[in-house]
Amino acid sequence: MATVRTAKAHWEGSLLEGAGQVALESSGIGTYDVSWASRANESDGKTSPEELIAAAHSTCFSMALSHALAGAGNAPESIDTTADVTFQPGEGITGIKLSVNGKVPGLTADEFAQFAEDAKKNCPVSQALTGTTITLDVTFTA
């Protein structure tokens, strides 16, 4: 059964001088301010589409990696993932860097790196972002 998640954006004014909000409708957990300045410069307490993509990507990757590891008999103690989404005004999103640190008993660093590489290629958010360069930095805690 498919699920649908909904976010709703409201914007007022021009791109450079305007501002808006994005509401996470499905979960109801909040409405967040957005602006061009928060996207192209410093966040100043506001979010951006790129930060929301980073949140989605880091979470999806962690879930996919955890699932693959557990399916192979090596449930992780912990997985910590950071997604850095780079936005260049006039060009758009120019790349995403995933950085993961995992603690998985019974696995070597090389084995963990292979699972992480597979999760990078196959998590649904990575697949939705094909066409964007996605890099991966892996650290491992035995």
Foldseek 3Di string as FASTA:
>chain_A
DDDDWDKDKDWDDDQQPIKIWIARPPVRPDIFIDHNCCVAHPVPRGHDPQVVLQVVLQVLLQVQLQVVCVVVVWRWPDKGKGKDFDQDPPPGTAAIEIEMETETPPDDQVRSVVSSVVSCCDRPSNVVPPVHHYHYHYHYDD
